């Protein structure tokens, strides 16, 4: 007789262990991308350059700040992808690039 719980429990347990590895990016690769494409506006530390801080004020959230760091990776990715001033960057990204940049952003936590 088939007992679904004997199959389901190991699958769920394996999913709990392996799930973090699937969405995680490479922070080192993300730093490289960030320094090439994001630093110009967001600054090396993620706080935003003085010009961008002046232009956007409170709308420019520090990437290492509590508000951004409290977001789930998917939420950061969505906000990035929907930002009008990121359209060219979105088109230039390769699969996994955004995951890598988000992994780097996590290292900016204050």
PDB file of N, CA and C in Angstrom:
ATOM      1  N   UNK A   1       0.837  -1.177   0.000  1.00  0.00           N
ATOM      2  CA  UNK A   1       0.000   0.000   0.000  1.00  0.00           C
ATOM      3  C   UNK A   1       0.887   1.248   0.000  1.00  0.00           C
ATOM      4  N   UNK A   2       0.568   2.207  -0.846  1.00  0.00           N
ATOM      5  CA  UNK A   2       1.326   3.454  -0.972  1.00  0.00           C
ATOM      6  C   UNK A   2       1.056   4.338   0.239  1.00  0.00           C
ATOM      7  N   UNK A   3       2.100   4.832   0.837  1.00  0.00           N
ATOM      8  CA  UNK A   3       1.979   5.710   2.001  1.00  0.00           C
ATOM      9  C   UNK A   3       2.632   7.054   1.652  1.00  0.00           C
ATOM     10  N   UNK A   4       1.809   8.022   1.248  1.00  0.00           N
ATOM     11  CA  UNK A   4       2.347   9.297   0.779  1.00  0.00           C
ATOM     12  C   UNK A   4       3.210  10.022   1.807  1.00  0.00           C
ATOM     13  N   UNK A   5       2.930   9.856   3.084  1.00  0.00           N
ATOM     14  CA  UNK A   5       3.713  10.566   4.091  1.00  0.00           C
ATOM     15  C   UNK A   5       5.161  10.093   4.116  1.00  0.00           C
ATOM     16  N   UNK A   6       5.427   8.868   3.693  1.00  0.00           N
ATOM     17  CA  UNK A   6       6.804   8.366   3.673  1.00  0.00           C
ATOM     18  C   UNK A   6       7.610   9.010   2.546  1.00  0.00           C
ATOM     19  N   UNK A   7       6.939   9.437   1.525  1.00  0.00           N
ATOM     20  CA  UNK A   7       7.609  10.115   0.420  1.00  0.00           C
ATOM     21  C   UNK A   7       7.664  11.612   0.686  1.00  0.00           C
ATOM     22  N   UNK A   8       6.583  12.169   1.155  1.00  0.00           N
ATOM     23  CA  UNK A   8       6.455  13.604   1.325  1.00  0.00           C
ATOM     24  C   UNK A   8       7.413  14.161   2.380  1.00  0.00           C
ATOM     25  N   UNK A   9       7.543  13.497   3.497  1.00  0.00           N
ATOM     26  CA  UNK A   9       8.380  14.009   4.580  1.00  0.00           C
ATOM     27  C   UNK A   9       9.845  14.149   4.138  1.00  0.00           C
ATOM     28  N   UNK A  10      10.461  13.148   3.520  1.00  0.00           N
ATOM     29  CA  UNK A  10      11.847  13.338   3.075  1.00  0.00           C
ATOM     30  C   UNK A  10      11.981  14.430   2.009  1.00  0.00           C
ATOM     31  N   UNK A  11      11.015  14.553   1.133  1.00  0.00           N
ATOM     32  CA  UNK A  11      11.065  15.577   0.089  1.00  0.00           C
ATOM     33  C   UNK A  11      10.972  16.968   0.719  1.00  0.00           C
ATOM     34  N   UNK A  12      10.063  17.160   1.648  1.00  0.00           N
ATOM     35  CA  UNK A  12       9.923  18.447   2.327  1.00  0.00           C
ATOM     36  C   UNK A  12      11.195  18.763   3.100  1.00  0.00           C
ATOM     37  N   UNK A  13      11.741  17.797   3.810  1.00  0.00           N
ATOM     38  CA  UNK A  13      12.955  18.013   4.585  1.00  0.00           C
ATOM     39  C   UNK A  13      14.119  18.386   3.671  1.00  0.00           C
ATOM     40  N   UNK A  14      14.280  17.694   2.564  1.00  0.00           N
ATOM     41  CA  UNK A  14      15.348  18.003   1.612  1.00  0.00           C
ATOM     42  C   UNK A  14      15.154  19.402   1.032  1.00  0.00           C
ATOM     43  N   UNK A  15      13.933  19.773   0.763  1.00  0.00           N
ATOM     44  CA  UNK A  15      13.641  21.105   0.246  1.00  0.00           C
ATOM     45  C   UNK A  15      14.015  22.192   1.227  1.00  0.00           C
ATOM     46  N   UNK A  16      13.813  21.924   2.518  1.00  0.00           N
ATOM     47  CA  UNK A  16      14.163  22.902   3.545  1.00  0.00           C
ATOM     48  C   UNK A  16      15.673  23.102   3.605  1.00  0.00           C
ATOM     49  N   UNK A  17      16.412  22.055   3.400  1.00  0.00           N
ATOM     50  CA  UNK A  17      17.875  22.139   3.449  1.00  0.00           C
ATOM     51  C   UNK A  17      18.435  22.783   2.188  1.00  0.00           C
ATOM     52  N   UNK A  18      17.907  22.410   1.038  1.00  0.00           N
ATOM     53  CA  UNK A  18      18.460  22.866  -0.230  1.00  0.00           C
ATOM     54  C   UNK A  18      17.915  24.208  -0.706  1.00  0.00           C
ATOM     55  N   UNK A  19      16.783  24.630  -0.232  1.00  0.00           N
ATOM     56  CA  UNK A  19      16.141  25.850  -0.735  1.00  0.00           C
ATOM     57  C   UNK A  19      17.037  27.082  -0.680  1.00  0.00           C
ATOM     58  N   UNK A  20      17.766  27.343   0.412  1.00  0.00           N
ATOM     59  CA  UNK A  20      18.588  28.544   0.426  1.00  0.00           C
ATOM     60  C   UNK A  20      19.638  28.573  -0.680  1.00  0.00           C
ATOM     61  N   UNK A  21      20.123  27.430  -1.109  1.00  0.00           N
ATOM     62  CA  UNK A  21      21.158  27.390  -2.128  1.00  0.00           C
ATOM     63  C   UNK A  21      20.638  27.778  -3.499  1.00  0.00           C
ATOM     64  N   UNK A  22      19.363  27.593  -3.765  1.00  0.00           N
ATOM     65  CA  UNK A  22      18.842  27.856  -5.099  1.00  0.00           C
ATOM     66  C   UNK A  22      18.692  29.332  -5.406  1.00  0.00           C
ATOM     67  N   UNK A  23      18.313  30.173  -4.458  1.00  0.00           N
ATOM     68  CA  UNK A  23      18.101  31.576  -4.723  1.00  0.00           C
ATOM     69  C   UNK A  23      19.310  32.440  -4.418  1.00  0.00           C
ATOM     70  N   UNK A  24      20.293  31.875  -3.762  1.00  0.00           N
ATOM     71  CA  UNK A  24      21.436  32.655  -3.314  1.00  0.00           C
ATOM     72  C   UNK A  24      22.353  33.004  -4.469  1.00  0.00           C
ATOM     73  N   UNK A  25      22.795  34.252  -4.464  1.00  0.00           N
ATOM     74  CA  UNK A  25      23.744  34.690  -5.469  1.00  0.00           C
ATOM     75  C   UNK A  25      25.153  34.650  -4.924  1.00  0.00           C
ATOM     76  N   UNK A  26      26.090  35.027  -5.767  1.00  0.00           N
ATOM     77  CA  UNK A  26      27.508  35.062  -5.430  1.00  0.00           C
ATOM     78  C   UNK A  26      27.876  36.512  -5.125  1.00  0.00           C
ATOM     79  N   UNK A  27      28.154  36.817  -3.869  1.00  0.00           N
ATOM     80  CA  UNK A  27      28.430  38.197  -3.453  1.00  0.00           C
ATOM     81  C   UNK A  27      29.682  38.759  -4.122  1.00  0.00           C
ATOM     82  N   UNK A  28      30.681  37.932  -4.368  1.00  0.00           N
ATOM     83  CA  UNK A  28      31.909  38.414  -5.023  1.00  0.00           C
ATOM     84  C   UNK A  28      31.620  38.846  -6.460  1.00  0.00           C
ATOM     85  N   UNK A  29      30.852  38.039  -7.181  1.00  0.00           N
ATOM     86  CA  UNK A  29      30.457  38.415  -8.542  1.00  0.00           C
ATOM     87  C   UNK A  29      29.551  39.636  -8.499  1.00  0.00           C
ATOM     88  N   UNK A  30      28.672  39.670  -7.502  1.00  0.00           N
ATOM     89  CA  UNK A  30      27.770  40.796  -7.341  1.00  0.00           C
ATOM     90  C   UNK A  30      28.513  42.087  -7.076  1.00  0.00           C
ATOM     91  N   UNK A  31      29.580  42.023  -6.305  1.00  0.00           N
ATOM     92  CA  UNK A  31      30.377  43.221  -6.026  1.00  0.00           C
ATOM     93  C   UNK A  31      30.999  43.746  -7.314  1.00  0.00           C
ATOM     94  N   UNK A  32      31.505  42.850  -8.120  1.00  0.00           N
ATOM     95  CA  UNK A  32      32.109  43.241  -9.396  1.00  0.00           C
ATOM     96  C   UNK A  32      31.076  43.960 -10.281  1.00  0.00           C
ATOM     97  N   UNK A  33      29.893  43.373 -10.395  1.00  0.00           N
ATOM     98  CA  UNK A  33      28.824  43.995 -11.182  1.00  0.00           C
ATOM     99  C   UNK A  33      28.393  45.335 -10.580  1.00  0.00           C
ATOM    100  N   UNK A  34      28.223  45.356  -9.266  1.00  0.00           N
ATOM    101  CA  UNK A  34      27.800  46.568  -8.575  1.00  0.00           C
ATOM    102  C   UNK A  34      28.794  47.700  -8.830  1.00  0.00           C
ATOM    103  N   UNK A  35      30.085  47.407  -8.709  1.00  0.00           N
ATOM    104  CA  UNK A  35      31.108  48.436  -8.892  1.00  0.00           C
ATOM    105  C   UNK A  35      31.136  48.952 -10.334  1.00  0.00           C
ATOM    106  N   UNK A  36      30.789  48.099 -11.278  1.00  0.00           N
ATOM    107  CA  UNK A  36      30.762  48.514 -12.681  1.00  0.00           C
ATOM    108  C   UNK A  36      29.492  49.281 -13.040  1.00  0.00           C
ATOM    109  N   UNK A  37      28.344  48.859 -12.499  1.00  0.00           N
ATOM    110  CA  UNK A  37      27.066  49.374 -12.987  1.00  0.00           C
ATOM    111  C   UNK A  37      26.229  50.152 -11.983  1.00  0.00           C
ATOM    112  N   UNK A  38      26.468  49.967 -10.706  1.00  0.00           N
ATOM    113  CA  UNK A  38      25.580  50.570  -9.705  1.00  0.00           C
ATOM    114  C   UNK A  38      26.243  51.694  -8.907  1.00  0.00           C
ATOM    115  N   UNK A  39      27.551  51.586  -8.735  1.00  0.00           N
ATOM    116  CA  UNK A  39      28.297  52.516  -7.893  1.00  0.00           C
ATOM    117  C   UNK A  39      28.135  53.971  -8.339  1.00  0.00           C
ATOM    118  N   UNK A  40      27.999  54.195  -9.629  1.00  0.00           N
ATOM    119  CA  UNK A  40      27.893  55.543 -10.167  1.00  0.00           C
ATOM    120  C   UNK A  40      26.759  56.322  -9.500  1.00  0.00           C
ATOM    121  N   UNK A  41      25.657  55.673  -9.246  1.00  0.00           N
ATOM    122  CA  UNK A  41      24.499  56.336  -8.617  1.00  0.00           C
ATOM    123  C   UNK A  41      24.370  56.008  -7.136  1.00  0.00           C
ATOM    124  N   UNK A  42      24.598  54.754  -6.792  1.00  0.00           N
ATOM    125  CA  UNK A  42      24.355  54.311  -5.417  1.00  0.00           C
ATOM    126  C   UNK A  42      25.563  54.486  -4.505  1.00  0.00           C
ATOM    127  N   UNK A  43      26.707  54.817  -5.074  1.00  0.00           N
ATOM    128  CA  UNK A  43      27.911  54.979  -4.271  1.00  0.00           C
ATOM    129  C   UNK A  43      28.499  53.645  -3.883  1.00  0.00           C
ATOM    130  N   UNK A  44      29.758  53.667  -3.517  1.00  0.00           N
ATOM    131  CA  UNK A  44      30.456  52.430  -3.171  1.00  0.00           C
ATOM    132  C   UNK A  44      29.836  51.739  -1.960  1.00  0.00           C
ATOM    133  N   UNK A  45      29.311  52.535  -1.032  1.00  0.00           N
ATOM    134  CA  UNK A  45      28.743  51.975   0.199  1.00  0.00           C
ATOM    135  C   UNK A  45      27.233  51.759   0.130  1.00  0.00           C
ATOM    136  N   UNK A  46      26.615  52.090  -1.011  1.00  0.00           N
ATOM    137  CA  UNK A  46      25.178  51.877  -1.168  1.00  0.00           C
ATOM    138  C   UNK A  46      24.308  52.996  -0.635  1.00  0.00           C
ATOM    139  N   UNK A  47      24.919  54.055  -0.098  1.00  0.00           N
ATOM    140  CA  UNK A  47      24.147  55.155   0.474  1.00  0.00           C
ATOM    141  C   UNK A  47      23.673  56.147  -0.581  1.00  0.00           C
ATOM    142  N   UNK A  48      24.210  56.041  -1.778  1.00  0.00           N
ATOM    143  CA  UNK A  48      23.868  56.988  -2.839  1.00  0.00           C
ATOM    144  C   UNK A  48      24.900  58.084  -2.928  1.00  0.00           C
ATOM    145  N   UNK A  49      25.203  58.502  -4.138  1.00  0.00           N
ATOM    146  CA  UNK A  49      26.149  59.596  -4.306  1.00  0.00           C
ATOM    147  C   UNK A  49      25.477  60.885  -3.855  1.00  0.00           C
ATOM    148  N   UNK A  50      26.258  61.911  -3.524  1.00  0.00           N
ATOM    149  CA  UNK A  50      25.642  63.185  -3.117  1.00  0.00           C
ATOM    150  C   UNK A  50      24.661  63.724  -4.159  1.00  0.00           C
ATOM    151  N   UNK A  51      25.003  63.594  -5.434  1.00  0.00           N
ATOM    152  CA  UNK A  51      24.101  64.083  -6.492  1.00  0.00           C
ATOM    153  C   UNK A  51      22.781  63.319  -6.486  1.00  0.00           C
ATOM    154  N   UNK A  52      22.838  62.011  -6.324  1.00  0.00           N
ATOM    155  CA  UNK A  52      21.613  61.202  -6.303  1.00  0.00           C
ATOM    156  C   UNK A  52      20.824  61.442  -5.018  1.00  0.00           C
ATOM    157  N   UNK A  53      21.523  61.638  -3.907  1.00  0.00           N
ATOM    158  CA  UNK A  53      20.834  61.955  -2.654  1.00  0.00           C
ATOM    159  C   UNK A  53      20.079  63.268  -2.783  1.00  0.00           C
ATOM    160  N   UNK A  54      20.703  64.240  -3.430  1.00  0.00           N
ATOM    161  CA  UNK A  54      20.054  65.540  -3.628  1.00  0.00           C
ATOM    162  C   UNK A  54      18.858  65.405  -4.570  1.00  0.00           C
ATOM    163  N   UNK A  55      19.047  64.655  -5.650  1.00  0.00           N
ATOM    164  CA  UNK A  55      17.994  64.511  -6.663  1.00  0.00           C
ATOM    165  C   UNK A  55      16.779  63.745  -6.128  1.00  0.00           C
ATOM    166  N   UNK A  56      17.026  62.632  -5.423  1.00  0.00           N
ATOM    167  CA  UNK A  56      15.928  61.752  -5.002  1.00  0.00           C
ATOM    168  C   UNK A  56      15.542  61.888  -3.536  1.00  0.00           C
ATOM    169  N   UNK A  57      16.372  62.504  -2.736  1.00  0.00           N
ATOM    170  CA  UNK A  57      16.055  62.694  -1.316  1.00  0.00           C
ATOM    171  C   UNK A  57      15.761  61.378  -0.616  1.00  0.00           C
ATOM    172  N   UNK A  58      14.663  61.352   0.115  1.00  0.00           N
ATOM    173  CA  UNK A  58      14.302  60.167   0.906  1.00  0.00           C
ATOM    174  C   UNK A  58      13.876  58.976   0.047  1.00  0.00           C
ATOM    175  N   UNK A  59      13.591  59.204  -1.228  1.00  0.00           N
ATOM    176  CA  UNK A  59      13.229  58.099  -2.114  1.00  0.00           C
ATOM    177  C   UNK A  59      14.415  57.180  -2.389  1.00  0.00           C
ATOM    178  N   UNK A  60      15.631  57.721  -2.274  1.00  0.00           N
ATOM    179  CA  UNK A  60      16.837  56.925  -2.489  1.00  0.00           C
ATOM    180  C   UNK A  60      17.194  56.245  -1.171  1.00  0.00           C
ATOM    181  N   UNK A  61      16.771  55.021  -1.034  1.00  0.00           N
ATOM    182  CA  UNK A  61      17.011  54.289   0.214  1.00  0.00           C
ATOM    183  C   UNK A  61      18.440  53.768   0.254  1.00  0.00           C
ATOM    184  N   UNK A  62      19.133  53.940   1.385  1.00  0.00           N
ATOM    185  CA  UNK A  62      20.468  53.359   1.518  1.00  0.00           C
ATOM    186  C   UNK A  62      20.374  51.838   1.433  1.00  0.00           C
ATOM    187  N   UNK A  63      21.166  51.246   0.557  1.00  0.00           N
ATOM    188  CA  UNK A  63      21.070  49.800   0.349  1.00  0.00           C
ATOM    189  C   UNK A  63      21.487  48.998   1.579  1.00  0.00           C
ATOM    190  N   UNK A  64      22.320  49.575   2.423  1.00  0.00           N
ATOM    191  CA  UNK A  64      22.728  48.895   3.646  1.00  0.00           C
ATOM    192  C   UNK A  64      21.825  49.196   4.828  1.00  0.00           C
ATOM    193  N   UNK A  65      20.848  50.067   4.620  1.00  0.00           N
ATOM    194  CA  UNK A  65      19.947  50.477   5.699  1.00  0.00           C
ATOM    195  C   UNK A  65      18.914  49.427   6.060  1.00  0.00           C
ATOM    196  N   UNK A  66      18.272  49.643   7.183  1.00  0.00           N
ATOM    197  CA  UNK A  66      17.301  48.686   7.721  1.00  0.00           C
ATOM    198  C   UNK A  66      16.158  48.387   6.758  1.00  0.00           C
ATOM    199  N   UNK A  67      15.642  49.426   6.079  1.00  0.00           N
ATOM    200  CA  UNK A  67      14.482  49.232   5.215  1.00  0.00           C
ATOM    201  C   UNK A  67      14.791  48.288   4.052  1.00  0.00           C
ATOM    202  N   UNK A  68      15.902  48.496   3.376  1.00  0.00           N
ATOM    203  CA  UNK A  68      16.267  47.624   2.252  1.00  0.00           C
ATOM    204  C   UNK A  68      16.674  46.249   2.761  1.00  0.00           C
ATOM    205  N   UNK A  69      17.463  46.210   3.815  1.00  0.00           N
ATOM    206  CA  UNK A  69      17.933  44.930   4.333  1.00  0.00           C
ATOM    207  C   UNK A  69      16.801  44.068   4.874  1.00  0.00           C
ATOM    208  N   UNK A  70      15.690  44.677   5.279  1.00  0.00           N
ATOM    209  CA  UNK A  70      14.533  43.919   5.780  1.00  0.00           C
ATOM    210  C   UNK A  70      13.723  43.305   4.641  1.00  0.00           C
ATOM    211  N   UNK A  71      13.927  43.785   3.425  1.00  0.00           N
ATOM    212  CA  UNK A  71      13.181  43.255   2.272  1.00  0.00           C
ATOM    213  C   UNK A  71      13.670  41.853   1.912  1.00  0.00           C
ATOM    214  N   UNK A  72      12.768  41.066   1.401  1.00  0.00           N
ATOM    215  CA  UNK A  72      13.135  39.761   0.861  1.00  0.00           C
ATOM    216  C   UNK A  72      13.839  40.008  -0.473  1.00  0.00           C
ATOM    217  N   UNK A  73      14.672  39.067  -0.882  1.00  0.00           N
ATOM    218  CA  UNK A  73      15.403  39.206  -2.138  1.00  0.00           C
ATOM    219  C   UNK A  73      14.458  39.457  -3.315  1.00  0.00           C
ATOM    220  N   UNK A  74      13.344  38.756  -3.332  1.00  0.00           N
ATOM    221  CA  UNK A  74      12.381  38.909  -4.432  1.00  0.00           C
ATOM    222  C   UNK A  74      11.820  40.330  -4.483  1.00  0.00           C
ATOM    223  N   UNK A  75      11.629  40.938  -3.328  1.00  0.00           N
ATOM    224  CA  UNK A  75      11.112  42.302  -3.284  1.00  0.00           C
ATOM    225  C   UNK A  75      12.154  43.295  -3.810  1.00  0.00           C
ATOM    226  N   UNK A  76      13.418  43.088  -3.439  1.00  0.00           N
ATOM    227  CA  UNK A  76      14.487  43.952  -3.958  1.00  0.00           C
ATOM    228  C   UNK A  76      14.561  43.803  -5.476  1.00  0.00           C
ATOM    229  N   UNK A  77      14.508  42.573  -5.955  1.00  0.00           N
ATOM    230  CA  UNK A  77      14.570  42.321  -7.397  1.00  0.00           C
ATOM    231  C   UNK A  77      13.403  42.993  -8.116  1.00  0.00           C
ATOM    232  N   UNK A  78      12.228  42.920  -7.534  1.00  0.00           N
ATOM    233  CA  UNK A  78      11.047  43.534  -8.150  1.00  0.00           C
ATOM    234  C   UNK A  78      11.195  45.050  -8.218  1.00  0.00           C
ATOM    235  N   UNK A  79      11.618  45.665  -7.116  1.00  0.00           N
ATOM    236  CA  UNK A  79      11.790  47.116  -7.098  1.00  0.00           C
ATOM    237  C   UNK A  79      12.837  47.543  -8.110  1.00  0.00           C
ATOM    238  N   UNK A  80      13.926  46.795  -8.187  1.00  0.00           N
ATOM    239  CA  UNK A  80      14.976  47.093  -9.162  1.00  0.00           C
ATOM    240  C   UNK A  80      14.421  47.007 -10.582  1.00  0.00           C
ATOM    241  N   UNK A  81      13.745  45.936 -10.874  1.00  0.00           N
ATOM    242  CA  UNK A  81      13.229  45.697 -12.223  1.00  0.00           C
ATOM    243  C   UNK A  81      12.167  46.700 -12.636  1.00  0.00           C
ATOM    244  N   UNK A  82      11.415  47.229 -11.676  1.00  0.00           N
ATOM    245  CA  UNK A  82      10.340  48.170 -11.980  1.00  0.00           C
ATOM    246  C   UNK A  82      10.804  49.628 -12.016  1.00  0.00           C
ATOM    247  N   UNK A  83      12.005  49.915 -11.534  1.00  0.00           N
ATOM    248  CA  UNK A  83      12.490  51.294 -11.487  1.00  0.00           C
ATOM    249  C   UNK A  83      12.738  51.808 -12.909  1.00  0.00           C
ATOM    250  N   UNK A  84      12.134  52.932 -13.227  1.00  0.00           N
ATOM    251  CA  UNK A  84      12.243  53.497 -14.575  1.00  0.00           C
ATOM    252  C   UNK A  84      13.696  53.753 -14.973  1.00  0.00           C
ATOM    253  N   UNK A  85      14.510  54.186 -14.025  1.00  0.00           N
ATOM    254  CA  UNK A  85      15.897  54.494 -14.348  1.00  0.00           C
ATOM    255  C   UNK A  85      16.801  53.261 -14.392  1.00  0.00           C
ATOM    256  N   UNK A  86      16.241  52.079 -14.241  1.00  0.00           N
ATOM    257  CA  UNK A  86      17.018  50.842 -14.328  1.00  0.00           C
ATOM    258  C   UNK A  86      16.712  50.045 -15.600  1.00  0.00           C
ATOM    259  N   UNK A  87      15.868  50.567 -16.471  1.00  0.00           N
ATOM    260  CA  UNK A  87      15.439  49.802 -17.648  1.00  0.00           C
ATOM    261  C   UNK A  87      16.605  49.299 -18.490  1.00  0.00           C
ATOM    262  N   UNK A  88      17.602  50.144 -18.768  1.00  0.00           N
ATOM    263  CA  UNK A  88      18.755  49.722 -19.576  1.00  0.00           C
ATOM    264  C   UNK A  88      19.560  48.656 -18.849  1.00  0.00           C
ATOM    265  N   UNK A  89      19.686  48.792 -17.530  1.00  0.00           N
ATOM    266  CA  UNK A  89      20.418  47.788 -16.749  1.00  0.00           C
ATOM    267  C   UNK A  89      19.713  46.436 -16.786  1.00  0.00           C
ATOM    268  N   UNK A  90      18.401  46.461 -16.659  1.00  0.00           N
ATOM    269  CA  UNK A  90      17.618  45.215 -16.672  1.00  0.00           C
ATOM    270  C   UNK A  90      17.863  44.463 -17.987  1.00  0.00           C
ATOM    271  N   UNK A  91      17.874  45.189 -19.095  1.00  0.00           N
ATOM    272  CA  UNK A  91      18.088  44.557 -20.401  1.00  0.00           C
ATOM    273  C   UNK A  91      19.485  43.978 -20.531  1.00  0.00           C
ATOM    274  N   UNK A  92      20.465  44.576 -19.860  1.00  0.00           N
ATOM    275  CA  UNK A  92      21.856  44.142 -19.980  1.00  0.00           C
ATOM    276  C   UNK A  92      22.220  42.975 -19.055  1.00  0.00           C
ATOM    277  N   UNK A  93      21.342  42.646 -18.121  1.00  0.00           N
ATOM    278  CA  UNK A  93      21.657  41.589 -17.150  1.00  0.00           C
ATOM    279  C   UNK A  93      21.608  40.194 -17.770  1.00  0.00           C
ATOM    280  N   UNK A  94      22.509  39.386 -17.320  1.00  0.00           N
ATOM    281  CA  UNK A  94      22.522  37.971 -17.676  1.00  0.00           C
ATOM    282  C   UNK A  94      21.792  37.207 -16.570  1.00  0.00           C
ATOM    283  N   UNK A  95      21.325  35.989 -16.857  1.00  0.00           N
ATOM    284  CA  UNK A  95      20.683  35.201 -15.796  1.00  0.00           C
ATOM    285  C   UNK A  95      21.605  35.065 -14.583  1.00  0.00           C
ATOM    286  N   UNK A  96      21.066  35.321 -13.426  1.00  0.00           N
ATOM    287  CA  UNK A  96      21.822  35.195 -12.181  1.00  0.00           C
ATOM    288  C   UNK A  96      22.509  36.478 -11.737  1.00  0.00           C
ATOM    289  N   UNK A  97      22.667  37.458 -12.633  1.00  0.00           N
ATOM    290  CA  UNK A  97      23.351  38.705 -12.271  1.00  0.00           C
ATOM    291  C   UNK A  97      22.653  39.429 -11.131  1.00  0.00           C
ATOM    292  N   UNK A  98      21.353  39.537 -11.200  1.00  0.00           N
ATOM    293  CA  UNK A  98      20.624  40.261 -10.161  1.00  0.00           C
ATOM    294  C   UNK A  98      20.730  39.537  -8.817  1.00  0.00           C
ATOM    295  N   UNK A  99      20.704  38.219  -8.833  1.00  0.00           N
ATOM    296  CA  UNK A  99      20.890  37.452  -7.587  1.00  0.00           C
ATOM    297  C   UNK A  99      22.261  37.750  -6.989  1.00  0.00           C
ATOM    298  N   UNK A 100      23.274  37.863  -7.859  1.00  0.00           N
ATOM    299  CA  UNK A 100      24.628  38.162  -7.390  1.00  0.00           C
ATOM    300  C   UNK A 100      24.701  39.562  -6.781  1.00  0.00           C
ATOM    301  N   UNK A 101      24.090  40.538  -7.445  1.00  0.00           N
ATOM    302  CA  UNK A 101      24.111  41.906  -6.928  1.00  0.00           C
ATOM    303  C   UNK A 101      23.367  41.977  -5.595  1.00  0.00           C
ATOM    304  N   UNK A 102      22.255  41.293  -5.495  1.00  0.00           N
ATOM    305  CA  UNK A 102      21.507  41.286  -4.232  1.00  0.00           C
ATOM    306  C   UNK A 102      22.342  40.631  -3.128  1.00  0.00           C
ATOM    307  N   UNK A 103      23.064  39.584  -3.452  1.00  0.00           N
ATOM    308  CA  UNK A 103      23.941  38.957  -2.456  1.00  0.00           C
ATOM    309  C   UNK A 103      24.996  39.955  -1.981  1.00  0.00           C
ATOM    310  N   UNK A 104      25.520  40.759  -2.899  1.00  0.00           N
ATOM    311  CA  UNK A 104      26.474  41.793  -2.499  1.00  0.00           C
ATOM    312  C   UNK A 104      25.800  42.862  -1.643  1.00  0.00           C
ATOM    313  N   UNK A 105      24.614  43.275  -2.027  1.00  0.00           N
ATOM    314  CA  UNK A 105      23.868  44.288  -1.255  1.00  0.00           C
ATOM    315  C   UNK A 105      23.701  43.823   0.187  1.00  0.00           C
ATOM    316  N   UNK A 106      23.511  42.537   0.391  1.00  0.00           N
ATOM    317  CA  UNK A 106      23.369  42.006   1.752  1.00  0.00           C
ATOM    318  C   UNK A 106      24.643  42.253   2.573  1.00  0.00           C
ATOM    319  N   UNK A 107      25.804  42.353   1.918  1.00  0.00           N
ATOM    320  CA  UNK A 107      27.061  42.592   2.650  1.00  0.00           C
ATOM    321  C   UNK A 107      27.184  44.045   3.088  1.00  0.00           C
ATOM    322  N   UNK A 108      26.322  44.924   2.583  1.00  0.00           N
ATOM    323  CA  UNK A 108      26.390  46.349   2.932  1.00  0.00           C
ATOM    324  C   UNK A 108      25.616  46.663   4.209  1.00  0.00           C
ATOM    325  N   UNK A 109      25.004  45.661   4.795  1.00  0.00           N
ATOM    326  CA  UNK A 109      24.160  45.857   5.975  1.00  0.00           C
ATOM    327  C   UNK A 109      24.909  46.629   7.062  1.00  0.00           C
ATOM    328  N   UNK A 110      24.247  47.645   7.576  1.00  0.00           N
ATOM    329  CA  UNK A 110      24.836  48.495   8.637  1.00  0.00           C
ATOM    330  C   UNK A 110      24.446  48.003  10.001  1.00  0.00           C
TER     331      UNK A 110
END
